[in-house]
Amino acid sequence: MPLPYVVLHNAVSIDGRIDGFPVDLGLFYGVTERWNEDAILTGSDTILAAEDPDEVVDLEVEPTYNRSLPLLVVVDSHARVRTWPSLRRQPYFRAGAAFCTTETPRAYLDYLANESVTTIISGSGHVDLRDALEQLHAHLHVDTVRVDSGGTLNAALLRAGVVDEVSLMIHPALVGNAPVRTVFPRLEGLSGDEAALGGQLLGAERVGDGVLWARWAFSPRAIERDAAATRAAAEAARANRPAPVSAATERRPLPRRRRRD
């Protein structure tokens, strides 16, 4: 089955850390309209590491069903996320869907069903990310996925060979040996021909206060897609009109203390 287009988008320090330095969230999420994603994929650790959504969301507010917003998808094979009532009321996405496995407890699957969260079952013990993404595309009609998570999920997606594009906002900071996480840990499974994960640079530009935004293609269709976007932008400029962008101009999945998995 076809896969959706998958973009890894992270803010990093010069030495590849994803924590331990200030991130301009407005800048980080402001550039995401380039992809106009249908879904945001994140890990359960990232949800759990966020500020308590109950503290920032009024539970009296009706859940968000705006289909112009991206769908929140959480990889949660171990039944950890129990804040779906609050997640469904966030203004930046509509919730949601969960990637689970054949070993995910039935009680948790029932909980997700009661919260109107779509479950995609794939794999045993660990989610089969390739199959889960294929199901996401086939059953929920998701064509583009932006990954907003930490290094563990990033690395798992790279090992699964499902990443089309890597986008890094490199901040002018050196974190050093602090106990923080890196953007691509545990890539030991990549060797031999798989080392052809060497990507092709799509673009690099300075944005904000000294931040370098760099993007690399890791699939032929990423190169084709970028070329089409460049042509569309050039045509829009010639016509003296703005290029089309997403209806959602600001996308912040969750207020964060730290980004983990």
C-alpha atoms as a PDB file:
ATOM      1  CA  MET A   1       0.000   0.000   0.000  1.00  0.00           C
ATOM      2  CA  PRO A   2       1.159   3.592  -0.557  1.00  0.00           C
ATOM      3  CA  LEU A   3       2.726   5.544   2.272  1.00  0.00           C
ATOM      4  CA  PRO A   4       1.952   9.138   3.198  1.00  0.00           C
ATOM      5  CA  TYR A   5       4.668  11.737   2.733  1.00  0.00           C
ATOM      6  CA  VAL A   6       6.591  11.882   6.042  1.00  0.00           C
ATOM      7  CA  VAL A   7       8.552  14.919   7.267  1.00  0.00           C
ATOM      8  CA  LEU A   8      10.731  14.950  10.384  1.00  0.00           C
ATOM      9  CA  HIS A   9      10.762  18.522  11.710  1.00  0.00           C
ATOM     10  CA  ASN A  10      12.920  19.337  14.741  1.00  0.00           C
ATOM     11  CA  ALA A  11      14.581  22.264  16.452  1.00  0.00           C
ATOM     12  CA  VAL A  12      18.178  21.390  17.344  1.00  0.00           C
ATOM     13  CA  SER A  13      21.318  22.972  18.730  1.00  0.00           C
ATOM     14  CA  ILE A  14      24.533  23.094  16.725  1.00  0.00           C
ATOM     15  CA  ASP A  15      25.623  19.890  18.460  1.00  0.00           C
ATOM     16  CA  GLY A  16      22.396  18.067  17.636  1.00  0.00           C
ATOM     17  CA  ARG A  17      20.576  18.322  20.962  1.00  0.00           C
ATOM     18  CA  ILE A  18      16.814  18.850  21.127  1.00  0.00           C
ATOM     19  CA  ASP A  19      16.705  20.127  24.726  1.00  0.00           C
ATOM     20  CA  GLY A  20      18.687  22.519  26.841  1.00  0.00           C
ATOM     21  CA  PHE A  21      18.296  25.696  24.755  1.00  0.00           C
ATOM     22  CA  PRO A  22      15.437  28.158  24.102  1.00  0.00           C
ATOM     23  CA  VAL A  23      13.279  27.533  21.028  1.00  0.00           C
ATOM     24  CA  ASP A  24      11.113  30.157  19.335  1.00  0.00           C
ATOM     25  CA  LEU A  25       7.924  28.092  19.022  1.00  0.00           C
ATOM     26  CA  GLY A  26       6.251  30.700  16.839  1.00  0.00           C
ATOM     27  CA  LEU A  27       9.108  30.420  14.358  1.00  0.00           C
ATOM     28  CA  PHE A  28       9.290  26.631  14.652  1.00  0.00           C
ATOM     29  CA  TYR A  29       5.618  26.078  13.897  1.00  0.00           C
ATOM     30  CA  GLY A  30       5.298  29.041  11.554  1.00  0.00           C
ATOM     31  CA  VAL A  31       7.291  27.310   8.807  1.00  0.00           C
ATOM     32  CA  THR A  32       5.175  24.140   8.924  1.00  0.00           C
ATOM     33  CA  GLU A  33       2.589  25.617   6.581  1.00  0.00           C
ATOM     34  CA  ARG A  34       5.031  24.665   3.824  1.00  0.00           C
ATOM     35  CA  TRP A  35       3.843  21.062   4.102  1.00  0.00           C
ATOM     36  CA  ASN A  36       0.148  21.638   4.826  1.00  0.00           C
ATOM     37  CA  GLU A  37       0.161  18.329   6.703  1.00  0.00           C
ATOM     38  CA  ASP A  38      -2.908  16.170   7.182  1.00  0.00           C
ATOM     39  CA  ALA A  39      -1.574  14.626  10.400  1.00  0.00           C
ATOM     40  CA  ILE A  40       0.906  15.298  13.198  1.00  0.00           C
ATOM     41  CA  LEU A  41       2.653  12.165  14.457  1.00  0.00           C
ATOM     42  CA  THR A  42       4.122  12.104  17.937  1.00  0.00           C
ATOM     43  CA  GLY A  43       5.155   9.609  20.613  1.00  0.00           C
ATOM     44  CA  SER A  44       3.539   8.925  23.950  1.00  0.00           C
ATOM     45  CA  ASP A  45       6.620  10.235  25.778  1.00  0.00           C
ATOM     46  CA  THR A  46       6.235  13.614  24.078  1.00  0.00           C
ATOM     47  CA  ILE A  47       2.608  13.820  25.197  1.00  0.00           C
ATOM     48  CA  LEU A  48       3.521  12.802  28.744  1.00  0.00           C
ATOM     49  CA  ALA A  49       6.424  15.276  28.868  1.00  0.00           C
ATOM     50  CA  ALA A  50       4.172  18.179  27.929  1.00  0.00           C
ATOM     51  CA  GLU A  51       2.568  20.440  30.457  1.00  0.00           C
ATOM     52  CA  ASP A  52      -0.623  18.977  31.868  1.00  0.00           C
ATOM     53  CA  PRO A  53      -3.167  19.809  29.150  1.00  0.00           C
ATOM     54  CA  ASP A  54      -5.866  19.991  31.831  1.00  0.00           C
ATOM     55  CA  GLU A  55      -4.099  23.109  33.131  1.00  0.00           C
ATOM     56  CA  VAL A  56      -4.326  24.966  29.831  1.00  0.00           C
ATOM     57  CA  VAL A  57      -7.543  23.633  28.269  1.00  0.00           C
ATOM     58  CA  ASP A  58     -11.065  24.320  29.492  1.00  0.00           C
ATOM     59  CA  LEU A  59     -12.773  20.918  29.614  1.00  0.00           C
ATOM     60  CA  GLU A  60     -16.119  22.691  29.199  1.00  0.00           C
ATOM     61  CA  VAL A  61     -15.060  23.651  25.676  1.00  0.00           C
ATOM     62  CA  GLU A  62     -16.424  21.418  22.937  1.00  0.00           C
ATOM     63  CA  PRO A  63     -13.885  19.078  21.290  1.00  0.00           C
ATOM     64  CA  THR A  64     -12.229  20.296  18.106  1.00  0.00           C
ATOM     65  CA  TYR A  65     -13.674  18.732  14.955  1.00  0.00           C
ATOM     66  CA  ASN A  66     -12.400  21.294  12.439  1.00  0.00           C
ATOM     67  CA  ARG A  67     -11.330  19.118   9.518  1.00  0.00           C
ATOM     68  CA  SER A  68      -9.055  21.869   8.184  1.00  0.00           C
ATOM     69  CA  LEU A  69      -6.758  21.146  11.141  1.00  0.00           C
ATOM     70  CA  PRO A  70      -4.278  18.263  11.079  1.00  0.00           C
ATOM     71  CA  LEU A  71      -5.116  15.003  12.824  1.00  0.00           C
ATOM     72  CA  LEU A  72      -3.110  14.202  15.969  1.00  0.00           C
ATOM     73  CA  VAL A  73      -1.697  10.658  15.841  1.00  0.00           C
ATOM     74  CA  VAL A  74       0.082   9.179  18.874  1.00  0.00           C
ATOM     75  CA  VAL A  75       2.299   6.087  18.891  1.00  0.00           C
ATOM     76  CA  ASP A  76       1.140   4.436  22.109  1.00  0.00           C
ATOM     77  CA  SER A  77       1.555   0.666  22.155  1.00  0.00           C
ATOM     78  CA  HIS A  78       1.848   0.553  25.963  1.00  0.00           C
ATOM     79  CA  ALA A  79      -1.440   2.322  26.810  1.00  0.00           C
ATOM     80  CA  ARG A  80       0.167   5.349  28.450  1.00  0.00           C
ATOM     81  CA  VAL A  81      -1.769   8.379  27.203  1.00  0.00           C
ATOM     82  CA  ARG A  82      -4.909   9.060  29.242  1.00  0.00           C
ATOM     83  CA  THR A  83      -5.381  12.747  28.453  1.00  0.00           C
ATOM     84  CA  TRP A  84      -7.394  12.382  25.243  1.00  0.00           C
ATOM     85  CA  PRO A  85     -10.356  14.429  26.602  1.00  0.00           C
ATOM     86  CA  SER A  86      -7.996  17.409  26.907  1.00  0.00           C
ATOM     87  CA  LEU A  87      -6.111  16.677  23.699  1.00  0.00           C
ATOM     88  CA  ARG A  88      -9.388  16.698  21.786  1.00  0.00           C
ATOM     89  CA  ARG A  89      -9.955  20.292  22.930  1.00  0.00           C
ATOM     90  CA  GLN A  90      -6.611  21.689  21.784  1.00  0.00           C
ATOM     91  CA  PRO A  91      -7.036  24.421  19.141  1.00  0.00           C
ATOM     92  CA  TYR A  92      -4.043  23.434  17.000  1.00  0.00           C
ATOM     93  CA  PHE A  93      -5.150  19.998  15.773  1.00  0.00           C
ATOM     94  CA  ARG A  94      -8.067  17.627  15.823  1.00  0.00           C
ATOM     95  CA  ALA A  95      -7.670  14.421  17.787  1.00  0.00           C
ATOM     96  CA  GLY A  96      -7.133  11.811  16.985  1.00  0.00           C
ATOM     97  CA  ALA A  97      -5.741   8.407  16.253  1.00  0.00           C
ATOM     98  CA  ALA A  98      -3.437   6.025  18.105  1.00  0.00           C
ATOM     99  CA  PHE A  99      -0.967   3.468  16.787  1.00  0.00           C
ATOM    100  CA  CYS A 100      -1.256   0.356  18.976  1.00  0.00           C
ATOM    101  CA  THR A 101      -0.198  -3.297  18.738  1.00  0.00           C
ATOM    102  CA  THR A 102      -1.802  -6.695  19.097  1.00  0.00           C
ATOM    103  CA  GLU A 103      -0.529  -6.670  22.707  1.00  0.00           C
ATOM    104  CA  THR A 104      -2.123  -3.348  23.684  1.00  0.00           C
ATOM    105  CA  PRO A 105      -4.568  -4.092  26.545  1.00  0.00           C
ATOM    106  CA  ARG A 106      -8.221  -4.449  25.523  1.00  0.00           C
ATOM    107  CA  ALA A 107      -9.253  -2.077  28.330  1.00  0.00           C
ATOM    108  CA  TYR A 108      -7.146   0.666  26.769  1.00  0.00           C
ATOM    109  CA  LEU A 109      -8.573   0.047  23.305  1.00  0.00           C
ATOM    110  CA  ASP A 110     -12.040   0.369  24.842  1.00  0.00           C
ATOM    111  CA  TYR A 111     -10.977   3.643  26.466  1.00  0.00           C
ATOM    112  CA  LEU A 112      -9.823   4.985  23.089  1.00  0.00           C
ATOM    113  CA  ALA A 113     -13.105   3.937  21.478  1.00  0.00           C
ATOM    114  CA  ASN A 114     -15.063   5.733  24.200  1.00  0.00           C
ATOM    115  CA  GLU A 115     -13.012   8.873  23.504  1.00  0.00           C
ATOM    116  CA  SER A 116     -13.708   8.608  19.745  1.00  0.00           C
ATOM    117  CA  VAL A 117     -10.021   7.982  19.039  1.00  0.00           C
ATOM    118  CA  THR A 118      -9.357   5.825  15.987  1.00  0.00           C
ATOM    119  CA  THR A 119      -7.048   2.904  16.679  1.00  0.00           C
ATOM    120  CA  ILE A 120      -4.649   1.449  14.126  1.00  0.00           C
ATOM    121  CA  ILE A 121      -3.359  -1.963  15.187  1.00  0.00           C
ATOM    122  CA  SER A 122      -0.011  -3.012  13.741  1.00  0.00           C
ATOM    123  CA  GLY A 123       2.832  -5.114  15.044  1.00  0.00           C
ATOM    124  CA  SER A 124       3.370  -7.104  18.212  1.00  0.00           C
ATOM    125  CA  GLY A 125       5.251  -5.581  21.115  1.00  0.00           C
ATOM    126  CA  HIS A 126       6.346  -2.601  19.029  1.00  0.00           C
ATOM    127  CA  VAL A 127       4.324  -0.734  16.435  1.00  0.00           C
ATOM    128  CA  ASP A 128       5.120  -1.683  12.826  1.00  0.00           C
ATOM    129  CA  LEU A 129       5.486   1.918  11.695  1.00  0.00           C
ATOM    130  CA  ARG A 130       5.489   1.211   7.978  1.00  0.00           C
ATOM    131  CA  ASP A 131       2.280  -0.810   8.140  1.00  0.00           C
ATOM    132  CA  ALA A 132       0.637   1.670  10.529  1.00  0.00           C
ATOM    133  CA  LEU A 133       1.409   4.578   8.192  1.00  0.00           C
ATOM    134  CA  GLU A 134       0.068   2.618   5.240  1.00  0.00           C
ATOM    135  CA  GLN A 135      -3.164   2.070   7.170  1.00  0.00           C
ATOM    136  CA  LEU A 136      -3.268   5.749   8.119  1.00  0.00           C
ATOM    137  CA  HIS A 137      -3.107   6.645   4.441  1.00  0.00           C
ATOM    138  CA  ALA A 138      -5.586   3.995   3.300  1.00  0.00           C
ATOM    139  CA  HIS A 139      -8.237   4.343   5.988  1.00  0.00           C
ATOM    140  CA  LEU A 140      -7.989   7.968   7.128  1.00  0.00           C
ATOM    141  CA  HIS A 141      -6.853   9.430   3.787  1.00  0.00           C
ATOM    142  CA  VAL A 142      -3.744  11.047   5.252  1.00  0.00           C
ATOM    143  CA  ASP A 143      -1.346  12.125   2.497  1.00  0.00           C
ATOM    144  CA  THR A 144       1.228  14.144   4.479  1.00  0.00           C
ATOM    145  CA  VAL A 145       2.529  13.530   8.007  1.00  0.00           C
ATOM    146  CA  ARG A 146       4.694  15.928   9.995  1.00  0.00           C
ATOM    147  CA  VAL A 147       6.535  14.236  12.861  1.00  0.00           C
ATOM    148  CA  ASP A 148       6.686  16.381  16.008  1.00  0.00           C
ATOM    149  CA  SER A 149       8.503  14.183  18.475  1.00  0.00           C
ATOM    150  CA  GLY A 150      11.839  13.240  19.942  1.00  0.00           C
ATOM    151  CA  GLY A 151      14.834  11.290  18.773  1.00  0.00           C
ATOM    152  CA  THR A 152      13.583   7.788  19.565  1.00  0.00           C
ATOM    153  CA  LEU A 153      10.616   8.012  17.223  1.00  0.00           C
ATOM    154  CA  ASN A 154      12.717   9.882  14.644  1.00  0.00           C
ATOM    155  CA  ALA A 155      15.267   7.064  14.623  1.00  0.00           C
ATOM    156  CA  ALA A 156      12.579   4.370  14.453  1.00  0.00           C
ATOM    157  CA  LEU A 157      11.001   6.022  11.425  1.00  0.00           C
ATOM    158  CA  LEU A 158      14.382   6.299   9.697  1.00  0.00           C
ATOM    159  CA  ARG A 159      15.137   2.648  10.398  1.00  0.00           C
ATOM    160  CA  ALA A 160      11.725   1.742   8.963  1.00  0.00           C
ATOM    161  CA  GLY A 161      12.642   3.571   5.745  1.00  0.00           C
ATOM    162  CA  VAL A 162       9.497   5.713   5.703  1.00  0.00           C
ATOM    163  CA  VAL A 163      10.987   9.223   5.945  1.00  0.00           C
ATOM    164  CA  ASP A 164      10.819  11.452   2.875  1.00  0.00           C
ATOM    165  CA  GLU A 165      12.188  14.707   4.253  1.00  0.00           C
ATOM    166  CA  VAL A 166      14.208  15.895   7.243  1.00  0.00           C
ATOM    167  CA  SER A 167      13.789  19.502   8.353  1.00  0.00           C
ATOM    168  CA  LEU A 168      16.056  20.937  11.044  1.00  0.00           C
ATOM    169  CA  MET A 169      15.939  24.404  12.559  1.00  0.00           C
ATOM    170  CA  ILE A 170      19.510  24.687  13.818  1.00  0.00           C
ATOM    171  CA  HIS A 171      19.790  27.158  16.688  1.00  0.00           C
ATOM    172  CA  PRO A 172      22.986  29.076  17.527  1.00  0.00           C
ATOM    173  CA  ALA A 173      23.612  27.171  20.740  1.00  0.00           C
ATOM    174  CA  LEU A 174      26.031  24.524  22.016  1.00  0.00           C
ATOM    175  CA  VAL A 175      24.483  22.429  24.776  1.00  0.00           C
ATOM    176  CA  GLY A 176      27.531  20.277  25.474  1.00  0.00           C
ATOM    177  CA  ASN A 177      27.470  17.271  27.767  1.00  0.00           C
ATOM    178  CA  ALA A 178      24.275  18.088  29.605  1.00  0.00           C
ATOM    179  CA  PRO A 179      21.968  15.059  30.070  1.00  0.00           C
ATOM    180  CA  VAL A 180      19.681  15.921  27.198  1.00  0.00           C
ATOM    181  CA  ARG A 181      18.502  14.052  24.145  1.00  0.00           C
ATOM    182  CA  THR A 182      19.740  14.119  20.571  1.00  0.00           C
ATOM    183  CA  VAL A 183      17.694  14.358  17.414  1.00  0.00           C
ATOM    184  CA  PHE A 184      18.671  10.936  15.965  1.00  0.00           C
ATOM    185  CA  PRO A 185      19.785   8.493  18.678  1.00  0.00           C
ATOM    186  CA  ARG A 186      20.254   4.760  18.234  1.00  0.00           C
ATOM    187  CA  LEU A 187      20.680   4.488  14.486  1.00  0.00           C
ATOM    188  CA  GLU A 188      22.865   1.400  14.827  1.00  0.00           C
ATOM    189  CA  GLY A 189      20.509  -0.551  12.582  1.00  0.00           C
ATOM    190  CA  LEU A 190      21.576   1.488   9.578  1.00  0.00           C
ATOM    191  CA  SER A 191      24.526  -0.058   7.770  1.00  0.00           C
ATOM    192  CA  GLY A 192      25.724  -1.072   4.334  1.00  0.00           C
ATOM    193  CA  ASP A 193      23.341   0.004   1.585  1.00  0.00           C
ATOM    194  CA  GLU A 194      21.043   1.541   4.201  1.00  0.00           C
ATOM    195  CA  ALA A 195      23.717   4.165   4.765  1.00  0.00           C
ATOM    196  CA  ALA A 196      22.338   5.613   1.506  1.00  0.00           C
ATOM    197  CA  LEU A 197      20.234   7.597   3.923  1.00  0.00           C
ATOM    198  CA  GLY A 198      22.583  10.333   2.850  1.00  0.00           C
ATOM    199  CA  GLY A 199      20.055  12.941   1.751  1.00  0.00           C
ATOM    200  CA  GLN A 200      19.991  15.641  -0.886  1.00  0.00           C
ATOM    201  CA  LEU A 201      19.913  19.230   0.323  1.00  0.00           C
ATOM    202  CA  LEU A 202      16.650  20.911  -0.643  1.00  0.00           C
ATOM    203  CA  GLY A 203      17.365  24.284   0.852  1.00  0.00           C
ATOM    204  CA  ALA A 204      18.979  26.251   3.658  1.00  0.00           C
ATOM    205  CA  GLU A 205      18.102  29.726   4.814  1.00  0.00           C
ATOM    206  CA  ARG A 206      18.532  31.990   7.787  1.00  0.00           C
ATOM    207  CA  VAL A 207      15.311  32.566   9.688  1.00  0.00           C
ATOM    208  CA  GLY A 208      14.699  34.437  12.887  1.00  0.00           C
ATOM    209  CA  ASP A 209      17.624  35.467  15.058  1.00  0.00           C
ATOM    210  CA  GLY A 210      20.502  33.416  13.687  1.00  0.00           C
ATOM    211  CA  VAL A 211      18.536  30.192  13.161  1.00  0.00           C
ATOM    212  CA  LEU A 212      19.456  28.093  10.114  1.00  0.00           C
ATOM    213  CA  TRP A 213      16.531  26.201   8.584  1.00  0.00           C
ATOM    214  CA  ALA A 214      17.849  23.303   6.493  1.00  0.00           C
ATOM    215  CA  ARG A 215      15.884  20.609   4.666  1.00  0.00           C
ATOM    216  CA  TRP A 216      17.054  17.368   3.081  1.00  0.00           C
ATOM    217  CA  ALA A 217      15.293  14.912   0.774  1.00  0.00           C
ATOM    218  CA  PHE A 218      15.488  11.221   1.581  1.00  0.00           C
ATOM    219  CA  SER A 219      13.259   9.998  -1.230  1.00  0.00           C
ATOM    220  CA  PRO A 220      12.826  10.839  -4.932  1.00  0.00           C
ATOM    221  CA  ARG A 221       9.333  12.164  -4.336  1.00  0.00           C
ATOM    222  CA  ALA A 222      10.686  14.676  -1.816  1.00  0.00           C
ATOM    223  CA  ILE A 223      12.825  16.170  -4.577  1.00  0.00           C
ATOM    224  CA  GLU A 224       9.845  16.222  -6.945  1.00  0.00           C
ATOM    225  CA  ARG A 225       7.586  17.769  -4.340  1.00  0.00           C
ATOM    226  CA  ASP A 226      10.085  20.485  -3.491  1.00  0.00           C
ATOM    227  CA  ALA A 227      10.565  21.328  -7.154  1.00  0.00           C
ATOM    228  CA  ALA A 228       6.791  21.618  -7.613  1.00  0.00           C
ATOM    229  CA  ALA A 229       6.531  23.914  -4.575  1.00  0.00           C
ATOM    230  CA  THR A 230       9.345  26.081  -5.911  1.00  0.00           C
ATOM    231  CA  ARG A 231       7.606  26.375  -9.281  1.00  0.00           C
ATOM    232  CA  ALA A 232       4.304  27.267  -7.599  1.00  0.00           C
ATOM    233  CA  ALA A 233       5.994  29.950  -5.512  1.00  0.00           C
ATOM    234  CA  ALA A 234       7.700  31.410  -8.593  1.00  0.00           C
ATOM    235  CA  GLU A 235       4.438  31.471 -10.537  1.00  0.00           C
ATOM    236  CA  ALA A 236       2.681  33.133  -7.605  1.00  0.00           C
ATOM    237  CA  ALA A 237       5.419  35.749  -7.403  1.00  0.00           C
ATOM    238  CA  ARG A 238       5.099  36.489 -11.120  1.00  0.00           C
ATOM    239  CA  ALA A 239       1.362  36.872 -10.701  1.00  0.00           C
ATOM    240  CA  ASN A 240       2.004  39.146  -7.720  1.00  0.00           C
ATOM    241  CA  ARG A 241      -0.045  36.999  -5.397  1.00  0.00           C
ATOM    242  CA  PRO A 242       0.877  34.882  -2.370  1.00  0.00           C
ATOM    243  CA  ALA A 243       1.509  31.183  -2.797  1.00  0.00           C
ATOM    244  CA  PRO A 244      -1.212  28.966  -1.313  1.00  0.00           C
ATOM    245  CA  VAL A 245      -0.659  27.990   2.323  1.00  0.00           C
ATOM    246  CA  SER A 246      -2.444  25.996   4.932  1.00  0.00           C
ATOM    247  CA  ALA A 247      -5.659  27.273   6.456  1.00  0.00           C
ATOM    248  CA  ALA A 248      -4.036  26.879   9.873  1.00  0.00           C
ATOM    249  CA  THR A 249      -1.320  29.519  10.083  1.00  0.00           C
ATOM    250  CA  GLU A 250      -0.192  28.679  13.589  1.00  0.00           C
ATOM    251  CA  ARG A 251       0.289  25.108  14.732  1.00  0.00           C
ATOM    252  CA  ARG A 252       1.495  24.268  18.205  1.00  0.00           C
ATOM    253  CA  PRO A 253       0.652  20.702  19.182  1.00  0.00           C
ATOM    254  CA  LEU A 254       1.259  21.101  22.913  1.00  0.00           C
ATOM    255  CA  PRO A 255       2.908  23.541  25.310  1.00  0.00           C
ATOM    256  CA  ARG A 256       6.158  21.770  26.122  1.00  0.00           C
ATOM    257  CA  ARG A 257       8.425  21.380  29.093  1.00  0.00           C
ATOM    258  CA  ARG A 258      10.682  19.104  27.066  1.00  0.00           C
ATOM    259  CA  ARG A 259      10.439  17.017  23.923  1.00  0.00           C
ATOM    260  CA  ARG A 260      11.322  13.371  24.378  1.00  0.00           C
ATOM    261  CA  ASP A 261       9.996  10.513  22.245  1.00  0.00           C
END
